[in-house]
């Protein structure tokens, strides 16, 4: 993600879903269906705000 942000000169945001028992990055990593569904809704909410965020960031210098 760093390379895309650097090359495109665009801020990158990432989010994830999971739960304490998900065994993150283990061979038996898992996600609960309800967490996945909530993650999809969360990303849709985030994407719906990009336009407004870009308009307000035009006056803010990003380093």
PDB file of N, CA and C in Angstrom:
ATOM      1  N   UNK A   1       0.823  -1.181   0.000  1.00  0.00           N
ATOM      2  CA  UNK A   1       0.000   0.000   0.000  1.00  0.00           C
ATOM      3  C   UNK A   1       0.873   1.254   0.000  1.00  0.00           C
ATOM      4  N   UNK A   2       2.019   1.177   0.649  1.00  0.00           N
ATOM      5  CA  UNK A   2       2.900   2.343   0.714  1.00  0.00           C
ATOM      6  C   UNK A   2       3.297   2.791  -0.696  1.00  0.00           C
ATOM      7  N   UNK A   3       3.655   1.848  -1.542  1.00  0.00           N
ATOM      8  CA  UNK A   3       4.095   2.189  -2.905  1.00  0.00           C
ATOM      9  C   UNK A   3       2.965   2.851  -3.687  1.00  0.00           C
ATOM     10  N   UNK A   4       1.745   2.331  -3.591  1.00  0.00           N
ATOM     11  CA  UNK A   4       0.619   2.952  -4.289  1.00  0.00           C
ATOM     12  C   UNK A   4       0.398   4.380  -3.806  1.00  0.00           C
ATOM     13  N   UNK A   5       0.419   4.568  -2.505  1.00  0.00           N
ATOM     14  CA  UNK A   5       0.236   5.908  -1.955  1.00  0.00           C
ATOM     15  C   UNK A   5       1.317   6.863  -2.401  1.00  0.00           C
ATOM     16  N   UNK A   6       2.544   6.388  -2.406  1.00  0.00           N
ATOM     17  CA  UNK A   6       3.673   7.228  -2.816  1.00  0.00           C
ATOM     18  C   UNK A   6       3.598   7.563  -4.300  1.00  0.00           C
ATOM     19  N   UNK A   7       3.375   6.572  -5.119  1.00  0.00           N
ATOM     20  CA  UNK A   7       3.350   6.787  -6.575  1.00  0.00           C
ATOM     21  C   UNK A   7       2.134   7.606  -7.012  1.00  0.00           C
ATOM     22  N   UNK A   8       0.996   7.362  -6.414  1.00  0.00           N
ATOM     23  CA  UNK A   8      -0.221   8.069  -6.798  1.00  0.00           C
ATOM     24  C   UNK A   8      -0.379   9.391  -6.054  1.00  0.00           C
ATOM     25  N   UNK A   9       0.495   9.614  -5.062  1.00  0.00           N
ATOM     26  CA  UNK A   9       0.414  10.796  -4.210  1.00  0.00           C
ATOM     27  C   UNK A   9      -1.011  10.951  -3.672  1.00  0.00           C
ATOM     28  N   UNK A  10      -1.478   9.859  -3.076  1.00  0.00           N
ATOM     29  CA  UNK A  10      -2.849   9.773  -2.595  1.00  0.00           C
ATOM     30  C   UNK A  10      -2.833   9.079  -1.242  1.00  0.00           C
ATOM     31  N   UNK A  11      -3.533   9.610  -0.256  1.00  0.00           N
ATOM     32  CA  UNK A  11      -3.535   8.944   1.054  1.00  0.00           C
ATOM     33  C   UNK A  11      -4.231   7.588   0.984  1.00  0.00           C
ATOM     34  N   UNK A  12      -3.683   6.636   1.684  1.00  0.00           N
ATOM     35  CA  UNK A  12      -4.225   5.284   1.709  1.00  0.00           C
ATOM     36  C   UNK A  12      -4.785   4.994   3.099  1.00  0.00           C
ATOM     37  N   UNK A  13      -5.959   4.423   3.140  1.00  0.00           N
ATOM     38  CA  UNK A  13      -6.601   4.053   4.403  1.00  0.00           C
ATOM     39  C   UNK A  13      -6.920   2.566   4.343  1.00  0.00           C
ATOM     40  N   UNK A  14      -6.674   1.893   5.434  1.00  0.00           N
ATOM     41  CA  UNK A  14      -6.959   0.465   5.491  1.00  0.00           C
ATOM     42  C   UNK A  14      -7.745   0.147   6.756  1.00  0.00           C
ATOM     43  N   UNK A  15      -8.622  -0.806   6.661  1.00  0.00           N
ATOM     44  CA  UNK A  15      -9.343  -1.265   7.839  1.00  0.00           C
ATOM     45  C   UNK A  15      -9.440  -2.780   7.757  1.00  0.00           C
ATOM     46  N   UNK A  16      -9.696  -3.394   8.833  1.00  0.00           N
ATOM     47  CA  UNK A  16      -9.826  -4.839   8.833  1.00  0.00           C
ATOM     48  C   UNK A  16     -10.950  -5.267   9.751  1.00  0.00           C
ATOM     49  N   UNK A  17     -11.278  -6.527   9.669  1.00  0.00           N
ATOM     50  CA  UNK A  17     -12.289  -7.087  10.562  1.00  0.00           C
ATOM     51  C   UNK A  17     -11.681  -8.309  11.231  1.00  0.00           C
ATOM     52  N   UNK A  18     -12.180  -8.633  12.368  1.00  0.00           N
ATOM     53  CA  UNK A  18     -11.683  -9.807  13.053  1.00  0.00           C
ATOM     54  C   UNK A  18     -12.213  -9.872  14.467  1.00  0.00           C
ATOM     55  N   UNK A  19     -11.827 -10.897  15.149  1.00  0.00           N
ATOM     56  CA  UNK A  19     -12.223 -11.083  16.525  1.00  0.00           C
ATOM     57  C   UNK A  19     -11.058 -11.712  17.267  1.00  0.00           C
ATOM     58  N   UNK A  20     -11.099 -11.673  18.582  1.00  0.00           N
ATOM     59  CA  UNK A  20      -9.968 -12.122  19.400  1.00  0.00           C
ATOM     60  C   UNK A  20      -9.561 -13.563  19.119  1.00  0.00           C
ATOM     61  N   UNK A  21     -10.499 -14.407  18.752  1.00  0.00           N
ATOM     62  CA  UNK A  21     -10.188 -15.813  18.506  1.00  0.00           C
ATOM     63  C   UNK A  21      -9.932 -16.151  17.046  1.00  0.00           C
ATOM     64  N   UNK A  22      -9.645 -15.164  16.232  1.00  0.00           N
ATOM     65  CA  UNK A  22      -9.525 -15.403  14.788  1.00  0.00           C
ATOM     66  C   UNK A  22      -8.225 -16.089  14.386  1.00  0.00           C
ATOM     67  N   UNK A  23      -7.260 -16.155  15.288  1.00  0.00           N
ATOM     68  CA  UNK A  23      -5.945 -16.767  15.003  1.00  0.00           C
ATOM     69  C   UNK A  23      -5.289 -16.066  13.810  1.00  0.00           C
ATOM     70  N   UNK A  24      -5.169 -14.752  13.912  1.00  0.00           N
ATOM     71  CA  UNK A  24      -4.683 -13.901  12.827  1.00  0.00           C
ATOM     72  C   UNK A  24      -3.407 -14.437  12.196  1.00  0.00           C
ATOM     73  N   UNK A  25      -3.428 -14.581  10.889  1.00  0.00           N
ATOM     74  CA  UNK A  25      -2.315 -15.018  10.035  1.00  0.00           C
ATOM     75  C   UNK A  25      -1.826 -16.435  10.323  1.00  0.00           C
ATOM     76  N   UNK A  26      -2.591 -17.199  11.062  1.00  0.00           N
ATOM     77  CA  UNK A  26      -2.261 -18.601  11.292  1.00  0.00           C
ATOM     78  C   UNK A  26      -2.868 -19.436  10.160  1.00  0.00           C
ATOM     79  N   UNK A  27      -2.398 -20.663   9.985  1.00  0.00           N
ATOM     80  CA  UNK A  27      -2.978 -21.515   8.928  1.00  0.00           C
ATOM     81  C   UNK A  27      -4.486 -21.714   9.082  1.00  0.00           C
ATOM     82  N   UNK A  28      -4.970 -21.629  10.315  1.00  0.00           N
ATOM     83  CA  UNK A  28      -6.410 -21.816  10.553  1.00  0.00           C
ATOM     84  C   UNK A  28      -7.094 -20.492  10.898  1.00  0.00           C
ATOM     85  N   UNK A  29      -6.602 -19.400  10.323  1.00  0.00           N
ATOM     86  CA  UNK A  29      -7.214 -18.083  10.539  1.00  0.00           C
ATOM     87  C   UNK A  29      -8.685 -18.137  10.134  1.00  0.00           C
ATOM     88  N   UNK A  30      -9.520 -17.428  10.875  1.00  0.00           N
ATOM     89  CA  UNK A  30     -10.946 -17.473  10.565  1.00  0.00           C
ATOM     90  C   UNK A  30     -11.579 -16.105  10.777  1.00  0.00           C
ATOM     91  N   UNK A  31     -12.758 -15.964  10.241  1.00  0.00           N
ATOM     92  CA  UNK A  31     -13.556 -14.759  10.445  1.00  0.00           C
ATOM     93  C   UNK A  31     -14.999 -15.200  10.584  1.00  0.00           C
ATOM     94  N   UNK A  32     -15.695 -14.558  11.492  1.00  0.00           N
ATOM     95  CA  UNK A  32     -17.111 -14.892  11.671  1.00  0.00           C
ATOM     96  C   UNK A  32     -17.927 -14.172  10.602  1.00  0.00           C
ATOM     97  N   UNK A  33     -18.976 -14.803  10.136  1.00  0.00           N
ATOM     98  CA  UNK A  33     -19.811 -14.250   9.076  1.00  0.00           C
ATOM     99  C   UNK A  33     -20.355 -12.877   9.457  1.00  0.00           C
ATOM    100  N   UNK A  34     -20.804 -12.705  10.691  1.00  0.00           N
ATOM    101  CA  UNK A  34     -21.333 -11.419  11.133  1.00  0.00           C
ATOM    102  C   UNK A  34     -20.247 -10.335  11.076  1.00  0.00           C
ATOM    103  N   UNK A  35     -19.000 -10.685  11.441  1.00  0.00           N
ATOM    104  CA  UNK A  35     -17.908  -9.714  11.361  1.00  0.00           C
ATOM    105  C   UNK A  35     -17.628  -9.329   9.910  1.00  0.00           C
ATOM    106  N   UNK A  36     -17.668 -10.317   9.009  1.00  0.00           N
ATOM    107  CA  UNK A  36     -17.463 -10.046   7.590  1.00  0.00           C
ATOM    108  C   UNK A  36     -18.536  -9.093   7.064  1.00  0.00           C
ATOM    109  N   UNK A  37     -19.790  -9.381   7.402  1.00  0.00           N
ATOM    110  CA  UNK A  37     -20.896  -8.535   6.948  1.00  0.00           C
ATOM    111  C   UNK A  37     -20.760  -7.108   7.489  1.00  0.00           C
ATOM    112  N   UNK A  38     -20.392  -6.982   8.759  1.00  0.00           N
ATOM    113  CA  UNK A  38     -20.189  -5.652   9.330  1.00  0.00           C
ATOM    114  C   UNK A  38     -19.016  -4.943   8.666  1.00  0.00           C
ATOM    115  N   UNK A  39     -17.984  -5.691   8.282  1.00  0.00           N
ATOM    116  CA  UNK A  39     -16.840  -5.114   7.569  1.00  0.00           C
ATOM    117  C   UNK A  39     -17.243  -4.573   6.204  1.00  0.00           C
ATOM    118  N   UNK A  40     -18.109  -5.296   5.499  1.00  0.00           N
ATOM    119  CA  UNK A  40     -18.593  -4.840   4.193  1.00  0.00           C
ATOM    120  C   UNK A  40     -19.380  -3.539   4.353  1.00  0.00           C
ATOM    121  N   UNK A  41     -20.248  -3.485   5.347  1.00  0.00           N
ATOM    122  CA  UNK A  41     -21.032  -2.275   5.595  1.00  0.00           C
ATOM    123  C   UNK A  41     -20.102  -1.122   5.967  1.00  0.00           C
ATOM    124  N   UNK A  42     -19.102  -1.394   6.778  1.00  0.00           N
ATOM    125  CA  UNK A  42     -18.145  -0.364   7.184  1.00  0.00           C
ATOM    126  C   UNK A  42     -17.404   0.195   5.968  1.00  0.00           C
ATOM    127  N   UNK A  43     -16.937  -0.671   5.081  1.00  0.00           N
ATOM    128  CA  UNK A  43     -16.216  -0.205   3.892  1.00  0.00           C
ATOM    129  C   UNK A  43     -17.134   0.601   2.972  1.00  0.00           C
ATOM    130  N   UNK A  44     -18.377   0.185   2.829  1.00  0.00           N
ATOM    131  CA  UNK A  44     -19.332   0.954   2.015  1.00  0.00           C
ATOM    132  C   UNK A  44     -19.517   2.345   2.604  1.00  0.00           C
ATOM    133  N   UNK A  45     -19.613   2.421   3.927  1.00  0.00           N
ATOM    134  CA  UNK A  45     -19.745   3.711   4.610  1.00  0.00           C
ATOM    135  C   UNK A  45     -18.503   4.562   4.361  1.00  0.00           C
ATOM    136  N   UNK A  46     -17.322   3.957   4.487  1.00  0.00           N
ATOM    137  CA  UNK A  46     -16.066   4.688   4.261  1.00  0.00           C
ATOM    138  C   UNK A  46     -15.995   5.193   2.813  1.00  0.00           C
ATOM    139  N   UNK A  47     -16.317   4.341   1.862  1.00  0.00           N
ATOM    140  CA  UNK A  47     -16.245   4.731   0.454  1.00  0.00           C
ATOM    141  C   UNK A  47     -17.240   5.835   0.118  1.00  0.00           C
ATOM    142  N   UNK A  48     -18.386   5.831   0.788  1.00  0.00           N
ATOM    143  CA  UNK A  48     -19.388   6.854   0.504  1.00  0.00           C
ATOM    144  C   UNK A  48     -18.922   8.239   0.952  1.00  0.00           C
ATOM    145  N   UNK A  49     -17.942   8.300   1.844  1.00  0.00           N
ATOM    146  CA  UNK A  49     -17.451   9.583   2.331  1.00  0.00           C
ATOM    147  C   UNK A  49     -16.216  10.094   1.631  1.00  0.00           C
ATOM    148  N   UNK A  50     -15.677   9.341   0.673  1.00  0.00           N
ATOM    149  CA  UNK A  50     -14.433   9.751   0.018  1.00  0.00           C
ATOM    150  C   UNK A  50     -14.591  11.080  -0.720  1.00  0.00           C
ATOM    151  N   UNK A  51     -15.657  11.254  -1.437  1.00  0.00           N
ATOM    152  CA  UNK A  51     -15.854  12.478  -2.205  1.00  0.00           C
ATOM    153  C   UNK A  51     -15.804  13.704  -1.298  1.00  0.00           C
ATOM    154  N   UNK A  52     -16.532  13.671  -0.205  1.00  0.00           N
ATOM    155  CA  UNK A  52     -16.539  14.806   0.729  1.00  0.00           C
ATOM    156  C   UNK A  52     -15.169  15.011   1.347  1.00  0.00           C
ATOM    157  N   UNK A  53     -14.486  13.922   1.675  1.00  0.00           N
ATOM    158  CA  UNK A  53     -13.156  14.029   2.277  1.00  0.00           C
ATOM    159  C   UNK A  53     -12.165  14.663   1.299  1.00  0.00           C
ATOM    160  N   UNK A  54     -12.250  14.297   0.036  1.00  0.00           N
ATOM    161  CA  UNK A  54     -11.350  14.874  -0.961  1.00  0.00           C
ATOM    162  C   UNK A  54     -11.621  16.359  -1.157  1.00  0.00           C
ATOM    163  N   UNK A  55     -12.867  16.746  -1.117  1.00  0.00           N
ATOM    164  CA  UNK A  55     -13.208  18.160  -1.295  1.00  0.00           C
ATOM    165  C   UNK A  55     -12.683  18.996  -0.139  1.00  0.00           C
ATOM    166  N   UNK A  56     -12.766  18.481   1.072  1.00  0.00           N
ATOM    167  CA  UNK A  56     -12.283  19.252   2.219  1.00  0.00           C
ATOM    168  C   UNK A  56     -10.771  19.209   2.315  1.00  0.00           C
ATOM    169  N   UNK A  57     -10.139  18.181   1.739  1.00  0.00           N
ATOM    170  CA  UNK A  57      -8.680  18.072   1.831  1.00  0.00           C
ATOM    171  C   UNK A  57      -7.970  18.904   0.769  1.00  0.00           C
ATOM    172  N   UNK A  58      -8.709  19.492  -0.177  1.00  0.00           N
ATOM    173  CA  UNK A  58      -8.063  20.309  -1.207  1.00  0.00           C
ATOM    174  C   UNK A  58      -7.361  21.509  -0.587  1.00  0.00           C
ATOM    175  N   UNK A  59      -7.835  21.975   0.539  1.00  0.00           N
ATOM    176  CA  UNK A  59      -7.241  23.127   1.194  1.00  0.00           C
ATOM    177  C   UNK A  59      -6.245  22.735   2.272  1.00  0.00           C
ATOM    178  N   UNK A  60      -5.968  21.428   2.421  1.00  0.00           N
ATOM    179  CA  UNK A  60      -5.046  20.952   3.453  1.00  0.00           C
ATOM    180  C   UNK A  60      -3.818  20.376   2.765  1.00  0.00           C
ATOM    181  N   UNK A  61      -2.655  20.790   3.219  1.00  0.00           N
ATOM    182  CA  UNK A  61      -1.409  20.279   2.648  1.00  0.00           C
ATOM    183  C   UNK A  61      -1.087  18.940   3.276  1.00  0.00           C
ATOM    184  N   UNK A  62      -0.885  17.913   2.439  1.00  0.00           N
ATOM    185  CA  UNK A  62      -0.545  16.567   2.901  1.00  0.00           C
ATOM    186  C   UNK A  62       0.923  16.329   2.624  1.00  0.00           C
ATOM    187  N   UNK A  63       1.654  15.899   3.630  1.00  0.00           N
ATOM    188  CA  UNK A  63       3.088  15.635   3.460  1.00  0.00           C
ATOM    189  C   UNK A  63       3.359  14.164   3.459  1.00  0.00           C
TER     190      UNK A  63
END
